[in-house]
Protein backbone atom coordinates (compact mmCIF):
# COMPACT_ATOMS: atom_id res chain seq x y z
CA MET A 1 -0.13 -0.26 0.18
CA SER A 2 1.57 3.33 -0.73
CA GLN A 3 1.72 6.54 0.98
CA ALA A 4 -1.16 8.01 -0.86
CA ASP A 5 -3.51 5.29 -0.53
CA LEU A 6 -2.95 5.99 3.46
CA ARG A 7 -3.82 9.39 3.22
CA ARG A 8 -7.68 10.78 3.82
CA ASP A 9 -9.53 13.74 3.67
CA LEU A 10 -9.96 15.32 7.48
CA ILE A 11 -12.91 17.09 6.18
CA SER A 12 -15.69 15.80 3.98
CA ARG A 13 -16.83 16.69 0.55
CA ALA A 14 -20.33 16.95 2.32
CA THR A 15 -18.91 19.70 4.71
CA ARG A 16 -17.16 21.24 2.23
CA ARG A 17 -20.00 21.92 0.02
CA ALA A 18 -22.27 23.16 2.84
CA PHE A 19 -20.05 25.72 3.14
CA ARG A 20 -19.56 26.53 -0.23
CA GLU A 21 -23.18 26.98 -0.51
CA LEU A 22 -23.14 29.62 2.15
CA ALA A 23 -20.73 31.15 -0.19
CA VAL A 24 -22.97 32.23 -3.04
CA SER A 25 -23.82 35.10 -0.56
CA ILE A 26 -20.38 36.25 -0.65
CA VAL A 27 -19.26 38.65 -2.96
CA VAL A 28 -16.18 37.37 -5.20
CA ARG A 29 -13.43 39.98 -3.38
CA ASP A 30 -14.52 38.72 -0.14
CA ILE A 31 -13.92 34.96 -1.36
CA HIS A 32 -10.36 35.33 -2.21
CA GLY A 33 -9.52 37.63 0.34
CA MET A 34 -10.47 35.32 3.05
CA TRP A 35 -8.69 32.04 1.43
CA GLN A 36 -5.48 34.10 0.63
CA ASP A 37 -5.68 35.85 4.03
CA GLU A 38 -4.72 32.22 5.67
CA GLY A 39 -1.92 32.17 3.18
CA PHE A 40 -3.53 29.91 -0.07
CA PRO A 41 -2.32 31.26 -3.47
CA PRO A 42 -5.58 32.67 -5.54
CA ALA A 43 -7.36 29.86 -7.33
CA ASP A 44 -9.15 29.79 -10.66
CA PRO A 45 -12.37 29.30 -10.83
CA SER A 46 -13.57 25.16 -11.03
CA PRO A 47 -14.92 24.19 -14.45
CA ASN A 48 -17.37 21.69 -12.91
CA GLU A 49 -19.54 24.00 -10.67
CA ASN A 50 -22.30 26.74 -12.13
CA GLY A 51 -22.45 30.52 -10.67
CA GLU A 52 -19.22 32.83 -10.51
CA ARG A 53 -19.22 32.47 -6.99
CA ARG A 54 -20.05 29.01 -6.18
CA SER A 55 -17.30 28.11 -8.77
CA LEU A 56 -14.53 30.32 -7.19
CA TYR A 57 -15.17 28.88 -3.71
CA GLN A 58 -14.97 25.34 -5.28
CA GLY A 59 -11.40 26.43 -6.85
CA TYR A 60 -9.85 27.28 -3.70
CA LEU A 61 -11.64 24.48 -1.88
CA ASP A 62 -9.58 21.91 -4.93
CA ALA A 63 -6.54 23.14 -4.23
CA VAL A 64 -6.20 22.31 -0.42
CA ASP A 65 -4.70 18.95 0.40
CA TRP A 66 -7.32 18.04 3.23
CA SER A 67 -5.09 15.19 4.42
CA ASP A 68 -2.86 18.29 5.43
CA LEU A 69 -3.37 18.95 9.29
CA GLY A 70 -1.89 22.50 8.59
CA GLN A 71 -3.52 23.30 5.47
CA VAL A 72 -6.77 21.96 7.41
CA ALA A 73 -6.13 24.12 10.53
CA ARG A 74 -6.14 27.15 8.02
CA ALA A 75 -9.04 26.10 5.79
CA VAL A 76 -11.16 26.00 8.80
CA ARG A 77 -10.55 29.23 9.78
CA VAL A 78 -11.95 30.22 5.98
CA PHE A 79 -14.82 28.17 6.84
CA GLU A 80 -15.36 30.45 9.83
CA LEU A 81 -15.59 33.40 8.51
CA THR A 82 -17.88 31.91 5.36
CA ALA A 83 -20.72 31.24 8.27
CA LYS A 84 -20.25 34.34 9.75
CA GLY A 85 -23.12 36.87 9.71
CA PHE A 86 -25.62 34.09 8.80
CA GLU A 87 -28.78 33.31 10.63
CA PRO A 88 -28.58 30.28 12.70
CA GLN A 89 -30.71 28.37 10.26
CA PHE A 90 -28.84 29.18 7.63
CA GLN A 91 -25.31 28.06 9.19
CA GLN A 92 -26.97 24.91 10.51
CA SER A 93 -26.40 22.04 7.88
CA ALA A 94 -22.83 23.23 7.45
CA TYR A 95 -21.64 23.27 11.48
CA ASP A 96 -23.39 19.90 11.87
CA LEU A 97 -21.71 18.02 8.77
CA ILE A 98 -18.62 19.71 10.46
CA ARG A 99 -19.24 18.54 14.20
CA ARG A 100 -19.61 15.02 12.25
CA ASP A 101 -16.30 15.29 10.97
CA GLY A 102 -14.80 15.72 14.57
CA PHE A 103 -15.00 19.09 15.16
CA GLN A 104 -16.70 21.35 17.80
CA VAL A 105 -18.87 24.96 16.79
CA LEU A 106 -18.61 27.25 20.07
CA ASP A 107 -21.25 29.85 20.18
CA SER A 108 -19.05 32.12 19.25
CA GLY A 109 -18.65 30.60 16.15
CA ARG A 110 -15.01 29.35 16.59
CA ILE A 111 -14.53 25.78 15.02
CA VAL A 112 -12.29 23.65 17.30
CA GLY A 113 -10.80 20.23 17.95
CA GLY A 114 -10.93 17.72 14.85
CA PRO A 115 -7.36 16.23 13.48
CA THR A 116 -5.77 19.33 14.93
CA ALA A 117 -6.89 19.33 18.20
CA VAL A 118 -3.64 18.35 20.39
CA VAL A 119 -5.98 17.82 23.78
CA ARG A 120 -10.22 17.14 23.84
CA GLU A 121 -12.06 20.23 24.26
CA GLY A 122 -14.07 17.88 26.77
CA ALA A 123 -11.21 17.41 28.79
CA LEU A 124 -10.70 20.97 29.62
CA ALA A 125 -13.89 21.12 31.39
CA ASN A 126 -12.68 20.12 34.55
CA LEU A 127 -10.53 22.94 34.72
CA ALA A 128 -11.84 26.14 36.42
CA ASP A 129 -9.15 28.49 34.14
CA PRO A 130 -8.48 26.44 30.99
CA ALA A 131 -6.76 29.77 29.65
CA ALA A 132 -3.13 28.78 30.08
CA VAL A 133 -3.73 25.49 28.26
CA ARG A 134 -5.65 27.23 25.81
CA GLU A 135 -2.51 28.81 24.77
CA HIS A 136 -0.51 26.56 24.21
CA LEU A 137 -2.28 24.70 22.28
CA ASP A 138 -2.74 27.26 20.06
CA ARG A 139 1.18 27.70 19.81
CA ILE A 140 1.36 23.87 19.26
CA SER A 141 -1.19 23.97 16.24
CA ARG A 142 0.13 27.25 14.60
CA ALA A 143 3.70 25.32 14.91
CA ILE A 144 2.06 22.58 13.16
CA GLU A 145 0.78 23.97 10.76
CA SER A 146 3.79 26.22 9.71
CA ASP A 147 6.04 22.85 9.97
CA ASP A 148 8.53 24.46 12.86
CA PRO A 149 9.36 21.49 14.87
CA ALA A 150 11.45 23.23 17.70
CA GLN A 151 8.76 25.49 18.17
CA ALA A 152 5.74 22.24 18.60
CA ILE A 153 8.32 20.59 20.58
CA GLY A 154 8.93 23.75 22.92
CA SER A 155 5.08 24.54 23.18
CA ALA A 156 4.66 20.82 23.87
CA LYS A 157 7.05 20.78 26.83
CA GLU A 158 4.89 23.78 27.95
CA LEU A 159 1.80 22.30 27.91
CA ILE A 160 2.56 19.89 30.26
CA GLU A 161 4.42 22.36 32.62
CA SER A 162 1.07 24.20 32.66
CA THR A 163 -1.28 20.92 33.12
CA ALA A 164 0.60 19.73 36.15
CA LYS A 165 0.26 23.00 37.95
CA LEU A 166 -3.10 23.32 37.12
CA VAL A 167 -4.20 20.15 38.30
CA LEU A 168 -1.90 21.00 41.58
CA ARG A 169 -3.70 24.05 42.19
CA GLU A 170 -6.90 22.72 41.47
CA LEU A 171 -6.52 20.32 44.25
CA GLY A 172 -5.53 23.04 46.47
CA ARG A 173 -1.60 22.73 46.23
CA SER A 174 1.06 25.06 45.45
CA ALA A 175 2.55 24.93 41.79
CA ASP A 176 6.40 26.73 42.43
CA ASP A 177 7.31 27.92 38.77
CA ALA A 178 11.16 27.25 40.21
CA ARG A 179 10.11 23.29 40.16
CA ASP A 180 11.97 21.55 36.43
CA LEU A 181 9.36 19.79 34.74
CA PRO A 182 9.95 15.96 35.68
CA LYS A 183 9.92 17.02 39.23
CA LEU A 184 6.45 19.18 38.88
CA ALA A 185 5.02 16.32 36.14
CA MET A 186 5.51 13.67 39.35
CA GLU A 187 4.27 15.96 42.29
CA ALA A 188 1.01 16.32 39.87
CA GLN A 189 0.39 12.49 39.51
CA LEU A 190 1.21 11.68 42.88
CA ALA A 191 -1.49 14.05 43.81
CA LEU A 192 -3.87 12.59 41.76
CA LYS A 193 -2.61 9.16 42.93
CA VAL A 194 -1.62 8.01 40.07
CA HIS A 195 1.78 7.70 39.95
CA PRO A 196 3.36 3.91 39.66
CA SER A 197 4.70 4.19 43.38
CA THR A 198 1.39 5.59 44.65
CA ALA A 199 -1.34 3.87 42.69
CA ALA A 200 -4.37 2.43 45.07
CA PRO A 201 -6.03 -0.68 44.96
CA GLY A 202 -8.18 -0.85 42.33
CA PRO A 203 -7.86 -0.74 38.53
CA ASP A 204 -5.30 1.89 38.65
CA GLY A 205 -3.12 -0.69 41.22
CA SER A 206 -3.23 -3.22 38.66
CA ASP A 207 0.51 -4.51 37.16
CA ALA A 208 -1.08 -3.62 33.75
CA VAL A 209 -2.18 -0.22 34.65
CA LYS A 210 0.95 0.68 36.91
CA ARG A 211 3.51 -0.37 33.96
CA ILE A 212 1.34 1.82 31.67
CA LEU A 213 1.43 4.86 34.22
CA GLY A 214 5.27 3.98 34.39
CA GLY A 215 5.67 4.59 30.48
CA VAL A 216 3.21 8.20 31.35
CA THR A 217 6.01 9.30 34.43
CA THR A 218 8.55 8.69 31.55
CA VAL A 219 6.89 10.66 29.06
CA ALA A 220 7.03 13.99 30.93
CA THR A 221 10.86 13.59 31.46
CA GLY A 222 11.13 12.64 27.83
CA VAL A 223 9.22 15.58 26.42
CA ALA A 224 11.33 18.25 28.87
CA GLU A 225 14.47 16.58 27.62
CA LEU A 226 13.53 16.69 23.61
CA ARG A 227 13.16 19.76 24.35
CA ASN A 228 16.64 20.83 25.81
CA LYS A 229 18.21 19.61 22.97
CA ALA A 230 16.23 20.55 19.97
CA GLY A 231 13.24 22.76 20.95
CA THR A 232 12.58 26.34 21.79
CA GLY A 233 13.28 28.25 24.73
CA HIS A 234 17.20 27.39 24.75
CA GLY A 235 19.48 28.87 22.60
CA PRO A 236 21.22 25.74 21.07
CA GLY A 237 25.15 25.88 20.47
CA SER A 238 25.01 24.25 17.23
CA PRO A 239 22.44 23.70 14.53
CA ARG A 240 19.00 21.47 15.35
CA ALA A 241 20.42 18.97 12.65
CA GLY A 242 17.76 16.38 11.70
CA LEU A 243 14.82 17.73 13.63
CA GLY A 244 11.76 16.85 11.88
CA VAL A 245 8.31 16.78 11.65
CA ARG A 246 7.79 13.51 12.68
CA HIS A 247 10.20 14.42 16.17
CA ALA A 248 7.50 17.49 16.52
CA HIS A 249 4.77 15.04 16.14
CA LEU A 250 6.08 12.55 18.88
CA ALA A 251 6.51 15.18 21.53
CA VAL A 252 2.77 16.33 20.75
CA GLY A 253 1.71 13.08 20.76
CA ALA A 254 3.15 12.14 24.11
CA ALA A 255 2.20 15.67 25.75
CA ARG A 256 -1.20 14.68 24.45
CA LEU A 257 -1.13 11.03 26.35
CA TRP A 258 0.37 12.65 29.57
CA CYS A 259 -2.19 15.82 29.59
CA GLU A 260 -5.49 13.94 28.77
CA PHE A 261 -4.75 11.43 31.24
CA MET A 262 -4.42 13.88 34.29
CA LEU A 263 -7.60 16.06 32.80
CA ASP A 264 -9.48 12.78 32.70
CA THR A 265 -8.26 11.54 36.20
CA LEU A 266 -9.01 15.13 37.75
CA GLY A 267 -12.11 14.97 36.28
CA ASP A 268 -13.09 11.30 36.92
CA PRO A 269 -15.75 11.16 39.88
CA ALA A 270 -14.18 7.56 40.59
CA ALA A 271 -11.01 8.48 40.70
CA PRO A 272 -8.79 7.64 43.34
CA TRP A 273 -7.76 10.75 44.51
CA ARG A 274 -11.30 11.73 45.58
CA LYS A 275 -11.04 8.75 48.29
CA SER A 276 -8.74 10.73 50.08
CA GLN A 277 -10.47 14.29 49.81
CA PRO A 278 -12.51 15.24 53.18
């Protein structure tokens, strides 16, 4: 099976058609502007569609690589502008379809989640103030879009750090900014009773889960070390030779594993840390 065979569209054709139909009410100049402002080159109208605006919008859709995370993230921002200003009944079909593709539509009209999401939107619901986490998520998404592996790795480390501090604060514990990341991450896991050394009896204390928890513990340390060698935040003494997108995906995926597990545990009403709460 070739690489091309493994590629898949991250936004369905039906969703793209729905937003294209909204574009028939947008002037041609603005259609060009919204796509080109997101870095897409000028496109020619599609010969397969009727109507100047519909065919022009389709021309831009045809030029997007819908299997590429960065291009999809930029196209989603175009979709946000396309739907802006319409009455809810006209937006509904497009929004329903993009939700089916795995995205969420906020009340503000912003479209979030989907393939570029680093942490599930629902996992953030357990935080009183998730603004710091959202800031790092936005940085990671922008770094992925712009093919900046060093920035993605650096932001992945900062995401773990912020998540650990927020977890500790949610539990009423201090989160000293001077602590290094491995110690901070370990303290957060200890506080939630999901460190392999303190896993409580039950599912989290089983040998299988403890082995996985041991791996989760090393994830934070590994991301911190990779960031020190290859990410942003430190001026390197030599060029970051060999650093590629795959390394960024490794760091971001590792950060996702750690952060989602911690946030899910924080919000789980049956999690072991709750049994020791007054």
